[in-house]
Every structure is written in C-alpha cells, then in structure tokens.
C-alpha cells in the first residue's frame, strides 16, 4: 500500500497505516506527538511532577523546620564548669578543655562551635583552642538541659603556663533544622 492522503507511515515500525490512526495496529506505537498517551510525554510530565514535588517538600521543610539564628540565644548557653588538662600522644602535646554547659533557651542546638581561650598569669591570651565545626557533628544541647563538651588542640605550652581560661560559643545550628 503506497502512502497517500489516506495513509501514513508509522514512525516506529515503518508500516503503512491509515492517516487517522491514533495507534499503530502493528506495533501499538502512539501516532500523535503531543498526547498524554505518548510514553515520552507521560514520562517527561511525571519527571517534572516529581522534581516539583521534591522542591515543594524541601521548601516546606525549611519553613517549618527550625532555622533560628543562634545570635539572640547565644547568651542562654552557659558554662557551668570547665577544666584544662593536657594529653600527650605520639602526635604531640594537646591542651584539652572539658566542661558542662546548660541551655536555658527554648531551642535545642546542634553543631555548637565551642572555643577555649587560655591566659597566662599576666592575663594575656597565650593560646586558643579553636572551634571546629566538623569535630562536633554529634554535639547537641537540648532545650533546658545540660551536656558535656570536650575540645582540644595541639599546644607548645606546658600546663603550668595557663593561669586561667574562658569558654565561648561561636556558632550553633538549630537542632530541628534539616540537614
């Protein structure tokens, strides 16, 4: 059968079919390009739907999950007690600050950046144990509770050089935020 005004060739199997056919009787391929029965159009629309759904869920989670700024609550994290010690390992000498903090805020905080400053007998700053965000992945201070912390850093001073120390909270992330 030659292709005339009443016939056309199927794009999938190359068989001659009637021009008004919506589906090829030989291979069952949908003949119209822009229809929801076309598998390519259906797959594309489903992909767009799923991507849009994921974006909507992520935006919704970001809005309902906590994204509180730490700064207004920073003064509600208090150090109850802390002490300085040294640890000697094969990698060198480390100054270690351990302590207990309490969280008086109504928010729980995670990934808290704790920094220790060490002072000499003359009151001058001689060493710092910096806050490291990757070290505190599991450190969470729940609302109205206490928890312990430990920070350490390599040092070139002896323990007797440190007359006093202070502990500061540099940053924290809302514990209900995602991720």
C-alpha atoms as a PDB file:
ATOM      1  CA  UNK A   1       0.000   0.000   0.000  1.00  0.00           C
ATOM      2  CA  UNK A   2       1.569   3.333  -1.057  1.00  0.00           C
ATOM      3  CA  UNK A   3       1.374   6.375   1.164  1.00  0.00           C
ATOM      4  CA  UNK A   4      -1.438   8.648   0.024  1.00  0.00           C
ATOM      5  CA  UNK A   5      -3.621  11.240   1.702  1.00  0.00           C
ATOM      6  CA  UNK A   6      -5.493   8.403   3.448  1.00  0.00           C
ATOM      7  CA  UNK A   7      -2.338   6.653   4.763  1.00  0.00           C
ATOM      8  CA  UNK A   8       0.888   7.424   6.570  1.00  0.00           C
ATOM      9  CA  UNK A   9       3.984   5.545   7.725  1.00  0.00           C
ATOM     10  CA  UNK A  10       4.372   4.557  11.391  1.00  0.00           C
ATOM     11  CA  UNK A  11       7.421   6.250  12.867  1.00  0.00           C
ATOM     12  CA  UNK A  12       8.231   3.205  14.992  1.00  0.00           C
ATOM     13  CA  UNK A  13       7.810   0.180  12.725  1.00  0.00           C
ATOM     14  CA  UNK A  14       7.676   1.878   9.279  1.00  0.00           C
ATOM     15  CA  UNK A  15       4.479   0.068   8.337  1.00  0.00           C
ATOM     16  CA  UNK A  16       1.875   1.914   6.273  1.00  0.00           C
ATOM     17  CA  UNK A  17      -1.223   2.676   8.340  1.00  0.00           C
ATOM     18  CA  UNK A  18      -4.356   4.794   7.937  1.00  0.00           C
ATOM     19  CA  UNK A  19      -3.784   8.534   8.359  1.00  0.00           C
ATOM     20  CA  UNK A  20      -6.437   8.874  11.064  1.00  0.00           C
ATOM     21  CA  UNK A  21      -4.964   6.047  13.207  1.00  0.00           C
ATOM     22  CA  UNK A  22      -4.018   7.117  16.723  1.00  0.00           C
ATOM     23  CA  UNK A  23      -2.171   3.850  17.460  1.00  0.00           C
ATOM     24  CA  UNK A  24      -0.297   1.665  15.001  1.00  0.00           C
ATOM     25  CA  UNK A  25      -2.115  -1.689  14.666  1.00  0.00           C
ATOM     26  CA  UNK A  26       1.240  -3.439  14.093  1.00  0.00           C
ATOM     27  CA  UNK A  27       3.461  -2.157  16.920  1.00  0.00           C
ATOM     28  CA  UNK A  28       0.932  -0.281  19.139  1.00  0.00           C
ATOM     29  CA  UNK A  29       3.002   2.946  18.943  1.00  0.00           C
ATOM     30  CA  UNK A  30       1.006   6.120  19.679  1.00  0.00           C
ATOM     31  CA  UNK A  31       0.949   8.195  16.491  1.00  0.00           C
ATOM     32  CA  UNK A  32       0.325  11.691  17.816  1.00  0.00           C
ATOM     33  CA  UNK A  33       3.301  13.522  19.266  1.00  0.00           C
ATOM     34  CA  UNK A  34       1.557  15.681  21.845  1.00  0.00           C
ATOM     35  CA  UNK A  35      -0.767  13.448  23.772  1.00  0.00           C
ATOM     36  CA  UNK A  36      -0.717  12.084  27.277  1.00  0.00           C
ATOM     37  CA  UNK A  37      -0.856   8.576  25.808  1.00  0.00           C
ATOM     38  CA  UNK A  38       2.583   9.084  24.284  1.00  0.00           C
ATOM     39  CA  UNK A  39       5.012   7.355  26.676  1.00  0.00           C
ATOM     40  CA  UNK A  40       7.693  10.022  26.182  1.00  0.00           C
ATOM     41  CA  UNK A  41       5.305  12.831  27.110  1.00  0.00           C
ATOM     42  CA  UNK A  42       3.960  10.865  30.082  1.00  0.00           C
ATOM     43  CA  UNK A  43       7.457  10.100  31.393  1.00  0.00           C
ATOM     44  CA  UNK A  44       8.536  13.718  30.982  1.00  0.00           C
ATOM     45  CA  UNK A  45       5.481  15.026  32.812  1.00  0.00           C
ATOM     46  CA  UNK A  46       5.962  12.503  35.636  1.00  0.00           C
ATOM     47  CA  UNK A  47       9.608  13.550  35.961  1.00  0.00           C
ATOM     48  CA  UNK A  48       8.660  17.219  36.130  1.00  0.00           C
ATOM     49  CA  UNK A  49       5.951  16.400  38.688  1.00  0.00           C
ATOM     50  CA  UNK A  50       8.387  14.501  40.962  1.00  0.00           C
ATOM     51  CA  UNK A  51      11.059  17.189  40.768  1.00  0.00           C
ATOM     52  CA  UNK A  52       8.484  19.876  41.561  1.00  0.00           C
ATOM     53  CA  UNK A  53       7.159  17.768  44.458  1.00  0.00           C
ATOM     54  CA  UNK A  54      10.629  17.363  45.934  1.00  0.00           C
ATOM     55  CA  UNK A  55      11.283  21.088  45.668  1.00  0.00           C
ATOM     56  CA  UNK A  56       7.965  21.892  47.353  1.00  0.00           C
ATOM     57  CA  UNK A  57       8.681  19.429  50.188  1.00  0.00           C
ATOM     58  CA  UNK A  58      12.182  20.842  50.736  1.00  0.00           C
ATOM     59  CA  UNK A  59      10.886  24.414  50.808  1.00  0.00           C
ATOM     60  CA  UNK A  60       8.110  23.366  53.191  1.00  0.00           C
ATOM     61  CA  UNK A  61      10.572  21.558  55.486  1.00  0.00           C
ATOM     62  CA  UNK A  62      12.838  24.562  55.510  1.00  0.00           C
ATOM     63  CA  UNK A  63       9.940  26.793  56.526  1.00  0.00           C
ATOM     64  CA  UNK A  64       8.572  24.542  59.269  1.00  0.00           C
ATOM     65  CA  UNK A  65      11.908  23.223  60.476  1.00  0.00           C
ATOM     66  CA  UNK A  66      13.929  25.425  62.695  1.00  0.00           C
ATOM     67  CA  UNK A  67      16.169  27.908  61.039  1.00  0.00           C
ATOM     68  CA  UNK A  68      16.613  30.092  64.052  1.00  0.00           C
ATOM     69  CA  UNK A  69      19.579  32.390  64.172  1.00  0.00           C
ATOM     70  CA  UNK A  70      21.881  31.486  67.068  1.00  0.00           C
ATOM     71  CA  UNK A  71      22.894  35.030  67.978  1.00  0.00           C
ATOM     72  CA  UNK A  72      19.791  36.045  70.007  1.00  0.00           C
ATOM     73  CA  UNK A  73      20.070  32.817  72.030  1.00  0.00           C
ATOM     74  CA  UNK A  74      23.853  32.789  72.445  1.00  0.00           C
ATOM     75  CA  UNK A  75      23.775  34.250  75.955  1.00  0.00           C
ATOM     76  CA  UNK A  76      21.398  31.488  77.107  1.00  0.00           C
ATOM     77  CA  UNK A  77      24.099  28.840  76.714  1.00  0.00           C
ATOM     78  CA  UNK A  78      26.156  28.934  79.900  1.00  0.00           C
ATOM     79  CA  UNK A  79      29.254  27.087  81.056  1.00  0.00           C
ATOM     80  CA  UNK A  80      28.549  25.528  84.459  1.00  0.00           C
ATOM     81  CA  UNK A  81      32.078  24.224  84.959  1.00  0.00           C
ATOM     82  CA  UNK A  82      35.207  23.651  82.914  1.00  0.00           C
ATOM     83  CA  UNK A  83      38.769  22.495  83.413  1.00  0.00           C
ATOM     84  CA  UNK A  84      42.041  22.453  81.490  1.00  0.00           C
ATOM     85  CA  UNK A  85      44.320  19.446  81.157  1.00  0.00           C
ATOM     86  CA  UNK A  86      46.997  18.140  78.849  1.00  0.00           C
ATOM     87  CA  UNK A  87      47.132  14.991  76.794  1.00  0.00           C
ATOM     88  CA  UNK A  88      50.381  13.632  75.432  1.00  0.00           C
ATOM     89  CA  UNK A  89      50.218  11.409  72.379  1.00  0.00           C
ATOM     90  CA  UNK A  90      52.573  10.230  69.678  1.00  0.00           C
ATOM     91  CA  UNK A  91      51.393  13.209  67.591  1.00  0.00           C
ATOM     92  CA  UNK A  92      52.382  15.790  70.192  1.00  0.00           C
ATOM     93  CA  UNK A  93      51.075  17.567  73.265  1.00  0.00           C
ATOM     94  CA  UNK A  94      47.440  18.632  73.347  1.00  0.00           C
ATOM     95  CA  UNK A  95      45.647  21.066  75.616  1.00  0.00           C
ATOM     96  CA  UNK A  96      42.183  19.747  76.490  1.00  0.00           C
ATOM     97  CA  UNK A  97      39.266  21.756  77.839  1.00  0.00           C
ATOM     98  CA  UNK A  98      36.327  19.774  79.210  1.00  0.00           C
ATOM     99  CA  UNK A  99      33.210  21.060  80.836  1.00  0.00           C
ATOM    100  CA  UNK A 100      29.482  21.100  81.302  1.00  0.00           C
ATOM    101  CA  UNK A 101      27.115  23.567  79.687  1.00  0.00           C
ATOM    102  CA  UNK A 102      23.465  24.306  80.212  1.00  0.00           C
ATOM    103  CA  UNK A 103      20.994  25.537  77.636  1.00  0.00           C
ATOM    104  CA  UNK A 104      18.395  27.881  79.121  1.00  0.00           C
ATOM    105  CA  UNK A 105      16.774  28.672  75.785  1.00  0.00           C
ATOM    106  CA  UNK A 106      13.598  27.097  74.421  1.00  0.00           C
ATOM    107  CA  UNK A 107      15.574  25.853  71.406  1.00  0.00           C
ATOM    108  CA  UNK A 108      17.812  22.842  71.018  1.00  0.00           C
ATOM    109  CA  UNK A 109      21.157  23.470  69.326  1.00  0.00           C
ATOM    110  CA  UNK A 110      23.485  21.200  67.364  1.00  0.00           C
ATOM    111  CA  UNK A 111      26.967  21.548  65.848  1.00  0.00           C
ATOM    112  CA  UNK A 112      27.909  24.019  68.548  1.00  0.00           C
ATOM    113  CA  UNK A 113      31.231  25.747  67.953  1.00  0.00           C
ATOM    114  CA  UNK A 114      32.963  25.832  71.355  1.00  0.00           C
ATOM    115  CA  UNK A 115      36.158  27.900  71.592  1.00  0.00           C
ATOM    116  CA  UNK A 116      38.547  27.972  74.529  1.00  0.00           C
ATOM    117  CA  UNK A 117      40.885  30.872  75.268  1.00  0.00           C
ATOM    118  CA  UNK A 118      43.830  30.280  77.594  1.00  0.00           C
ATOM    119  CA  UNK A 119      45.508  33.098  79.514  1.00  0.00           C
ATOM    120  CA  UNK A 120      48.874  33.423  81.231  1.00  0.00           C
ATOM    121  CA  UNK A 121      49.481  34.686  84.758  1.00  0.00           C
ATOM    122  CA  UNK A 122      49.764  38.245  83.401  1.00  0.00           C
ATOM    123  CA  UNK A 123      46.218  37.976  81.986  1.00  0.00           C
ATOM    124  CA  UNK A 124      47.320  37.943  78.350  1.00  0.00           C
ATOM    125  CA  UNK A 125      45.950  35.493  75.844  1.00  0.00           C
ATOM    126  CA  UNK A 126      48.607  32.875  75.112  1.00  0.00           C
ATOM    127  CA  UNK A 127      46.692  30.050  73.417  1.00  0.00           C
ATOM    128  CA  UNK A 128      43.350  29.311  71.744  1.00  0.00           C
ATOM    129  CA  UNK A 129      41.533  26.043  71.272  1.00  0.00           C
ATOM    130  CA  UNK A 130      39.571  26.904  68.127  1.00  0.00           C
ATOM    131  CA  UNK A 131      36.018  25.874  67.439  1.00  0.00           C
ATOM    132  CA  UNK A 132      35.884  23.240  64.706  1.00  0.00           C
ATOM    133  CA  UNK A 133      32.522  22.581  63.076  1.00  0.00           C
ATOM    134  CA  UNK A 134      33.406  19.105  61.809  1.00  0.00           C
ATOM    135  CA  UNK A 135      34.514  17.919  65.294  1.00  0.00           C
ATOM    136  CA  UNK A 136      31.096  18.494  66.864  1.00  0.00           C
ATOM    137  CA  UNK A 137      28.787  16.613  64.481  1.00  0.00           C
ATOM    138  CA  UNK A 138      27.002  14.825  67.338  1.00  0.00           C
ATOM    139  CA  UNK A 139      27.140  17.559  69.994  1.00  0.00           C
ATOM    140  CA  UNK A 140      23.570  18.632  70.813  1.00  0.00           C
ATOM    141  CA  UNK A 141      22.401  20.864  73.656  1.00  0.00           C
ATOM    142  CA  UNK A 142      18.729  20.129  74.218  1.00  0.00           C
ATOM    143  CA  UNK A 143      16.402  22.828  75.473  1.00  0.00           C
ATOM    144  CA  UNK A 144      16.595  23.399  79.254  1.00  0.00           C
ATOM    145  CA  UNK A 145      19.196  20.687  79.796  1.00  0.00           C
ATOM    146  CA  UNK A 146      22.874  20.206  80.498  1.00  0.00           C
ATOM    147  CA  UNK A 147      25.504  18.397  78.465  1.00  0.00           C
ATOM    148  CA  UNK A 148      29.241  17.862  78.492  1.00  0.00           C
ATOM    149  CA  UNK A 149      31.775  19.066  75.960  1.00  0.00           C
ATOM    150  CA  UNK A 150      35.420  18.452  75.174  1.00  0.00           C
ATOM    151  CA  UNK A 151      37.676  20.468  72.885  1.00  0.00           C
ATOM    152  CA  UNK A 152      41.376  20.011  72.280  1.00  0.00           C
ATOM    153  CA  UNK A 153      44.194  21.402  70.217  1.00  0.00           C
ATOM    154  CA  UNK A 154      47.921  20.929  69.836  1.00  0.00           C
ATOM    155  CA  UNK A 155      49.973  23.214  72.061  1.00  0.00           C
ATOM    156  CA  UNK A 156      53.544  24.285  72.604  1.00  0.00           C
ATOM    157  CA  UNK A 157      52.953  25.440  76.196  1.00  0.00           C
ATOM    158  CA  UNK A 158      53.046  23.437  79.381  1.00  0.00           C
ATOM    159  CA  UNK A 159      50.003  23.169  81.613  1.00  0.00           C
ATOM    160  CA  UNK A 160      51.628  25.405  84.243  1.00  0.00           C
ATOM    161  CA  UNK A 161      51.737  28.292  81.711  1.00  0.00           C
ATOM    162  CA  UNK A 162      47.934  28.538  81.777  1.00  0.00           C
ATOM    163  CA  UNK A 163      46.663  30.610  84.706  1.00  0.00           C
ATOM    164  CA  UNK A 164      43.031  30.841  83.555  1.00  0.00           C
ATOM    165  CA  UNK A 165      40.736  30.097  80.670  1.00  0.00           C
ATOM    166  CA  UNK A 166      37.394  31.150  79.194  1.00  0.00           C
ATOM    167  CA  UNK A 167      34.949  29.210  77.034  1.00  0.00           C
ATOM    168  CA  UNK A 168      32.890  30.834  74.267  1.00  0.00           C
ATOM    169  CA  UNK A 169      30.130  29.597  71.972  1.00  0.00           C
ATOM    170  CA  UNK A 170      30.827  30.895  68.478  1.00  0.00           C
ATOM    171  CA  UNK A 171      28.032  29.294  66.462  1.00  0.00           C
ATOM    172  CA  UNK A 172      25.308  26.687  66.601  1.00  0.00           C
ATOM    173  CA  UNK A 173      22.670  25.329  64.295  1.00  0.00           C
ATOM    174  CA  UNK A 174      19.042  24.854  65.231  1.00  0.00           C
ATOM    175  CA  UNK A 175      18.675  21.154  66.097  1.00  0.00           C
ATOM    176  CA  UNK A 176      15.358  20.933  64.260  1.00  0.00           C
ATOM    177  CA  UNK A 177      16.830  22.245  61.019  1.00  0.00           C
ATOM    178  CA  UNK A 178      17.491  19.945  58.128  1.00  0.00           C
ATOM    179  CA  UNK A 179      20.108  18.625  57.471  1.00  0.00           C
END
